[in-house]
Amino acid sequence: METIGIELTRIFIKVVQQGSFSKAAELLKIPKSTVSKAIARLERETGTKLLLRTTRSQTLTASGRAFYETCLEPLQILEDAQKSLFGQDAIVAGKIKITAPEDLGTHVVAPIIGELSQTHEKLSFELQYTNQLIDLVKEGFDFAIRIGTLKQSGLKAKRIGEVTLIPVAAPSYLEKRAKISTPQDLLKHDCLSISAGNLMQRWDLKNKSQTAKIMVNVKVESNQMTSLLQVAIAGGGVALVPSYLCKNELQQKKLVRLLPSWHSVGMAVSLVSPVSMASSARLKLVSDKIFTATQKTLSEIL
């Protein structure tokens, strides 16, 4: 069997990452017809269908996905080695595509990217925030931050820490309502809850020696923690929100932390990537920065 050409593999990788033949051709600065012929030749020489194409979209076959995941990291190493011939600075260049949950992305990831943008002019970024799980390979993402237990996959993962939620409310709300001294007192209050999984109606809280499962009275539900925080600030009820999200509001006394020794059971936070995060200088730089800064933020339990 003949060895598959590196350039054919490179074109295939770029097509998957860019999501279309046209965008890949634009990136590689070659005609779209050349890209199309390269993919056709690759499929012909391997005897394997790699992409299922329609006029509007393309999807990796199982064999195509396996080939992509196998080739992506070695090709990245090769490209960076070639760039190093033109000077070390050229390695840390290009676009980094990142996805994260909306609140974590907005309040934690975005400031990190702001710092990196200032210190590394040749790096550019695409940020997509969603609470849905995105197929990193199919959509061409370099990194994702994910909350919760990870399913088995071919992705490379590093555990960053845990998200911890704490109960808070505005002074204006607390002035009018019964005192909250124990988790059970929450049963008498209007609660603001995330509309995801068990957290919507049942708040699992713990302190150093006890646990409590409280079936709360949900006054307002939302798919976004930031919106619950704003409802709480306006006096709408008791919210269970990440400690990093309400730090400033607590310091400014817009909110009061309730049950100071109690907090939620932690949810794991991980940084994941289709390839080794040390496989290139730019990926290592960005992953190290995201990991360190996010870990520091998550460890600041108030």
Protein backbone atom coordinates (compact mmCIF):
# COMPACT_ATOMS: atom_id res chain seq x y z
CA MET A 1 0.00 0.00 0.00
CA GLU A 2 1.33 3.44 -0.93
CA THR A 3 1.97 6.02 1.76
CA ILE A 4 -0.73 8.71 1.87
CA GLY A 5 0.68 12.13 0.98
CA ILE A 6 1.12 14.58 3.82
CA GLU A 7 -0.38 17.39 1.75
CA LEU A 8 -3.56 15.38 1.07
CA THR A 9 -3.86 14.72 4.80
CA ARG A 10 -3.24 18.39 5.58
CA ILE A 11 -6.01 19.47 3.20
CA PHE A 12 -8.41 16.94 4.75
CA ILE A 13 -7.62 18.20 8.27
CA LYS A 14 -8.26 21.82 7.23
CA VAL A 15 -11.57 20.90 5.58
CA VAL A 16 -12.77 19.31 8.82
CA GLN A 17 -11.53 22.19 10.97
CA GLN A 18 -13.01 24.90 8.74
CA GLY A 19 -16.28 23.08 8.12
CA SER A 20 -16.31 23.53 4.35
CA PHE A 21 -14.26 23.15 1.19
CA SER A 22 -14.54 26.88 0.47
CA LYS A 23 -13.21 28.01 3.85
CA ALA A 24 -10.40 25.45 3.71
CA ALA A 25 -9.43 26.65 0.24
CA GLU A 26 -9.43 30.25 1.45
CA LEU A 27 -7.24 29.37 4.43
CA LEU A 28 -4.79 27.34 2.34
CA LYS A 29 -4.87 29.92 -0.47
CA ILE A 30 -5.63 27.32 -3.14
CA PRO A 31 -8.62 26.87 -5.50
CA LYS A 32 -11.69 25.11 -4.13
CA SER A 33 -11.40 22.63 -6.99
CA THR A 34 -7.94 21.64 -5.73
CA VAL A 35 -9.38 20.92 -2.28
CA SER A 36 -12.20 18.85 -3.79
CA LYS A 37 -9.78 16.83 -5.93
CA ALA A 38 -7.48 16.27 -2.95
CA ILE A 39 -10.29 14.81 -0.82
CA ALA A 40 -11.49 12.66 -3.73
CA ARG A 41 -7.96 11.36 -4.27
CA LEU A 42 -7.50 10.66 -0.56
CA GLU A 43 -10.72 8.67 -0.48
CA ARG A 44 -9.79 6.85 -3.69
CA GLU A 45 -6.28 5.93 -2.53
CA THR A 46 -7.47 4.72 0.88
CA GLY A 47 -10.60 3.04 -0.48
CA THR A 48 -12.50 4.68 2.38
CA LYS A 49 -15.30 7.24 2.49
CA LEU A 50 -14.16 10.02 4.81
CA LEU A 51 -16.79 12.74 4.34
CA LEU A 52 -20.50 12.63 3.58
CA ARG A 53 -21.26 15.78 1.60
CA THR A 54 -24.44 17.60 0.63
CA THR A 55 -24.88 21.02 -0.94
CA ARG A 56 -25.24 22.57 2.52
CA SER A 57 -23.17 20.50 4.91
CA GLN A 58 -20.58 17.80 5.41
CA THR A 59 -20.31 15.09 8.03
CA LEU A 60 -17.40 12.88 8.99
CA THR A 61 -17.90 9.15 8.59
CA ALA A 62 -16.73 6.91 11.43
CA SER A 63 -13.57 6.17 9.44
CA GLY A 64 -13.12 9.86 8.66
CA ARG A 65 -13.36 10.79 12.33
CA ALA A 66 -10.83 8.11 13.32
CA PHE A 67 -8.43 9.29 10.59
CA TYR A 68 -8.85 12.93 11.64
CA GLU A 69 -8.22 12.21 15.34
CA THR A 70 -5.15 10.11 14.50
CA CYS A 71 -3.61 12.67 12.12
CA LEU A 72 -4.46 15.95 13.82
CA GLU A 73 -1.77 15.94 16.50
CA PRO A 74 1.16 14.75 14.29
CA LEU A 75 0.22 17.31 11.63
CA GLN A 76 0.13 20.07 14.26
CA ILE A 77 3.60 19.10 15.45
CA LEU A 78 4.90 19.10 11.86
CA GLU A 79 3.39 22.52 11.09
CA ASP A 80 4.88 24.03 14.24
CA ALA A 81 8.27 22.51 13.45
CA GLN A 82 8.12 24.16 10.01
CA LYS A 83 7.13 27.48 11.55
CA SER A 84 10.07 27.31 13.93
CA LEU A 85 12.40 27.56 10.92
CA PHE A 86 11.20 31.15 10.54
CA GLY A 87 11.71 32.14 14.18
CA GLN A 88 10.29 31.08 17.52
CA ASP A 89 7.71 33.89 17.62
CA ALA A 90 5.96 32.48 14.57
CA ILE A 91 4.98 29.34 16.46
CA VAL A 92 2.55 31.14 18.77
CA ALA A 93 0.25 32.29 15.99
CA GLY A 94 -3.08 31.43 14.43
CA LYS A 95 -6.68 31.06 15.60
CA ILE A 96 -7.72 29.23 18.76
CA LYS A 97 -11.36 28.11 18.86
CA ILE A 98 -12.85 27.64 22.34
CA THR A 99 -16.27 26.68 23.68
CA ALA A 100 -17.46 26.88 27.28
CA PRO A 101 -20.69 27.07 29.31
CA GLU A 102 -22.20 30.53 28.99
CA ASP A 103 -21.64 31.88 32.51
CA LEU A 104 -18.20 30.35 32.96
CA GLY A 105 -17.17 31.53 29.52
CA THR A 106 -18.36 35.10 30.01
CA HIS A 107 -17.03 35.65 33.53
CA VAL A 108 -13.88 33.47 33.60
CA VAL A 109 -12.68 32.59 30.09
CA ALA A 110 -13.24 35.98 28.42
CA PRO A 111 -10.89 37.94 30.74
CA ILE A 112 -8.20 35.29 30.20
CA ILE A 113 -8.51 35.65 26.44
CA GLY A 114 -8.34 39.42 26.83
CA GLU A 115 -4.95 39.09 28.52
CA LEU A 116 -3.66 36.66 25.90
CA SER A 117 -4.80 38.96 23.09
CA GLN A 118 -2.68 41.76 24.51
CA THR A 119 0.47 39.70 25.04
CA HIS A 120 0.37 37.64 21.83
CA GLU A 121 -0.55 39.74 18.82
CA LYS A 122 -0.33 36.85 16.35
CA LEU A 123 -2.97 34.82 18.17
CA SER A 124 -6.66 35.24 17.35
CA PHE A 125 -9.63 33.62 19.08
CA GLU A 126 -13.15 32.43 18.37
CA LEU A 127 -15.31 31.98 21.48
CA GLN A 128 -18.63 30.16 21.46
CA TYR A 129 -20.54 29.91 24.72
CA THR A 130 -23.26 27.30 25.09
CA ASN A 131 -24.50 24.88 27.70
CA GLN A 132 -24.92 22.23 24.99
CA LEU A 133 -22.19 19.66 24.34
CA ILE A 134 -20.47 20.46 21.04
CA ASP A 135 -18.69 17.87 18.90
CA LEU A 136 -15.19 19.35 19.08
CA VAL A 137 -13.87 17.37 16.13
CA LYS A 138 -16.79 18.03 13.81
CA GLU A 139 -16.93 21.74 14.67
CA GLY A 140 -13.15 22.25 14.68
CA PHE A 141 -12.70 23.40 18.29
CA ASP A 142 -9.29 23.43 19.94
CA PHE A 143 -10.60 23.48 23.52
CA ALA A 144 -13.75 23.14 25.58
CA ILE A 145 -14.39 23.75 29.25
CA ARG A 146 -16.98 21.30 30.52
CA ILE A 147 -18.84 21.03 33.81
CA GLY A 148 -19.79 17.66 35.26
CA THR A 149 -18.61 14.09 34.83
CA LEU A 150 -17.02 13.50 31.43
CA LYS A 151 -18.20 10.63 29.26
CA GLN A 152 -15.64 8.27 27.81
CA SER A 153 -14.23 9.61 24.54
CA GLY A 154 -11.03 10.09 22.60
CA LEU A 155 -10.68 13.62 23.94
CA LYS A 156 -7.69 14.63 26.05
CA ALA A 157 -8.84 16.04 29.41
CA LYS A 158 -7.39 17.88 32.42
CA ARG A 159 -9.46 18.37 35.55
CA ILE A 160 -9.32 22.04 36.60
CA GLY A 161 -11.32 21.98 39.81
CA GLU A 162 -14.94 22.25 40.92
CA VAL A 163 -17.77 24.75 40.63
CA THR A 164 -19.33 25.36 44.03
CA LEU A 165 -22.73 27.06 44.43
CA ILE A 166 -23.75 29.13 47.43
CA PRO A 167 -27.17 30.50 48.48
CA VAL A 168 -27.54 34.29 48.28
CA ALA A 169 -30.30 36.89 48.46
CA ALA A 170 -30.67 40.66 48.44
CA PRO A 171 -31.05 42.61 51.71
CA SER A 172 -34.36 44.01 50.39
CA TYR A 173 -35.77 40.46 50.09
CA LEU A 174 -34.46 39.27 53.46
CA GLU A 175 -35.97 42.24 55.32
CA LYS A 176 -39.46 41.03 54.46
CA ARG A 177 -39.08 37.30 54.91
CA ALA A 178 -38.48 34.71 57.63
CA LYS A 179 -34.93 34.29 58.89
CA ILE A 180 -32.80 31.58 57.27
CA SER A 181 -30.76 29.73 59.92
CA THR A 182 -30.81 26.17 58.57
CA PRO A 183 -31.16 24.64 55.08
CA GLN A 184 -34.71 23.56 55.97
CA ASP A 185 -35.69 27.24 56.36
CA LEU A 186 -35.33 27.55 52.58
CA LEU A 187 -38.64 25.68 52.27
CA LYS A 188 -40.39 28.89 53.37
CA HIS A 189 -38.75 31.03 50.69
CA ASP A 190 -39.04 31.89 47.01
CA CYS A 191 -36.11 30.25 45.25
CA LEU A 192 -34.44 31.07 41.95
CA SER A 193 -33.19 27.94 40.25
CA ILE A 194 -31.25 26.84 37.19
CA SER A 195 -33.42 24.77 34.84
CA ALA A 196 -30.95 21.91 34.49
CA GLY A 197 -31.05 18.43 35.99
CA ASN A 198 -31.75 17.87 39.67
CA LEU A 199 -30.70 21.41 40.61
CA MET A 200 -33.99 22.91 39.48
CA GLN A 201 -36.16 21.65 42.36
CA ARG A 202 -33.71 19.95 44.70
CA TRP A 203 -30.76 21.75 46.23
CA ASP A 204 -28.11 19.38 47.61
CA LEU A 205 -26.15 21.26 50.25
CA LYS A 206 -23.40 20.25 52.63
CA ASN A 207 -21.13 21.57 55.37
CA LYS A 208 -18.17 19.92 57.07
CA SER A 209 -20.26 17.24 58.78
CA GLN A 210 -23.77 17.22 57.30
CA THR A 211 -25.70 17.07 54.05
CA ALA A 212 -29.18 18.34 53.22
CA LYS A 213 -31.45 17.73 50.24
CA ILE A 214 -34.01 20.52 50.02
CA MET A 215 -37.01 20.41 47.67
CA VAL A 216 -37.25 24.15 47.07
CA ASN A 217 -40.19 26.30 46.03
CA VAL A 218 -39.09 27.51 42.57
CA LYS A 219 -40.32 31.05 41.97
CA VAL A 220 -38.12 31.72 38.93
CA GLU A 221 -36.22 29.25 36.77
CA SER A 222 -33.68 30.07 34.08
CA ASN A 223 -31.11 28.30 31.90
CA GLN A 224 -28.55 30.98 32.79
CA MET A 225 -27.01 31.65 36.20
CA THR A 226 -26.29 35.30 35.39
CA SER A 227 -29.99 36.02 34.93
CA LEU A 228 -30.82 34.36 38.26
CA LEU A 229 -28.17 36.55 39.88
CA GLN A 230 -29.83 39.67 38.51
CA VAL A 231 -33.26 38.53 39.73
CA ALA A 232 -31.76 37.96 43.18
CA ILE A 233 -30.14 41.42 43.23
CA ALA A 234 -33.56 42.91 42.42
CA GLY A 235 -35.04 41.17 45.48
CA GLY A 236 -36.71 38.29 43.65
CA GLY A 237 -35.70 35.51 46.02
CA VAL A 238 -32.92 33.17 47.09
CA ALA A 239 -30.52 32.03 44.37
CA LEU A 240 -28.01 29.17 44.39
CA VAL A 241 -25.17 30.46 42.21
CA PRO A 242 -21.43 29.88 41.67
CA SER A 243 -19.31 31.67 44.24
CA TYR A 244 -17.12 33.25 41.53
CA LEU A 245 -20.21 34.74 39.89
CA CYS A 246 -21.45 36.72 42.88
CA LYS A 247 -18.14 37.74 44.48
CA ASN A 248 -18.41 41.44 43.54
CA GLU A 249 -22.08 41.68 44.53
CA LEU A 250 -21.30 40.25 47.96
CA GLN A 251 -18.44 42.68 48.46
CA GLN A 252 -20.70 45.57 47.40
CA LYS A 253 -23.43 44.28 49.77
CA LYS A 254 -25.94 43.97 46.94
CA LEU A 255 -26.29 40.36 48.07
CA VAL A 256 -25.91 38.51 51.35
CA ARG A 257 -24.50 35.02 51.61
CA LEU A 258 -26.92 32.76 53.45
CA LEU A 259 -25.94 29.76 55.57
CA PRO A 260 -22.21 30.67 55.40
CA SER A 261 -20.96 27.18 56.30
CA TRP A 262 -23.13 25.51 53.65
CA HIS A 263 -22.56 25.14 49.91
CA SER A 264 -23.50 22.82 47.10
CA VAL A 265 -21.84 19.54 46.25
CA GLY A 266 -19.04 20.48 43.84
CA MET A 267 -19.33 19.83 40.11
CA ALA A 268 -16.13 18.90 38.28
CA VAL A 269 -14.73 21.36 35.74
CA SER A 270 -12.43 20.03 33.01
CA LEU A 271 -10.46 21.40 30.08
CA VAL A 272 -10.73 19.08 27.07
CA SER A 273 -9.18 19.03 23.62
CA PRO A 274 -9.15 16.72 20.58
CA VAL A 275 -5.33 16.59 20.78
CA SER A 276 -2.62 16.71 23.43
CA MET A 277 -2.53 20.21 24.89
CA ALA A 278 1.27 20.11 24.74
CA SER A 279 1.36 19.14 21.05
CA SER A 280 2.12 22.69 19.93
CA ALA A 281 3.45 25.89 21.46
CA ARG A 282 0.22 27.83 20.90
CA LEU A 283 -2.02 25.10 22.36
CA LYS A 284 0.24 24.69 25.39
CA LEU A 285 0.38 28.43 25.99
CA VAL A 286 -3.40 28.89 25.86
CA SER A 287 -4.28 25.71 27.76
CA ASP A 288 -1.80 26.50 30.56
CA LYS A 289 -3.19 30.03 30.91
CA ILE A 290 -6.83 28.87 30.94
CA PHE A 291 -6.04 26.05 33.38
CA THR A 292 -4.10 28.21 35.87
CA ALA A 293 -6.46 31.21 35.84
CA THR A 294 -9.65 29.14 35.98
CA GLN A 295 -8.28 26.95 38.78
CA LYS A 296 -7.46 30.07 40.81
CA THR A 297 -10.96 31.49 40.28
CA LEU A 298 -12.73 28.25 41.20
CA SER A 299 -10.64 27.77 44.34
CA GLU A 300 -11.79 31.10 45.77
CA ILE A 301 -14.74 29.78 47.76
CA LEU A 302 -16.12 32.67 49.74
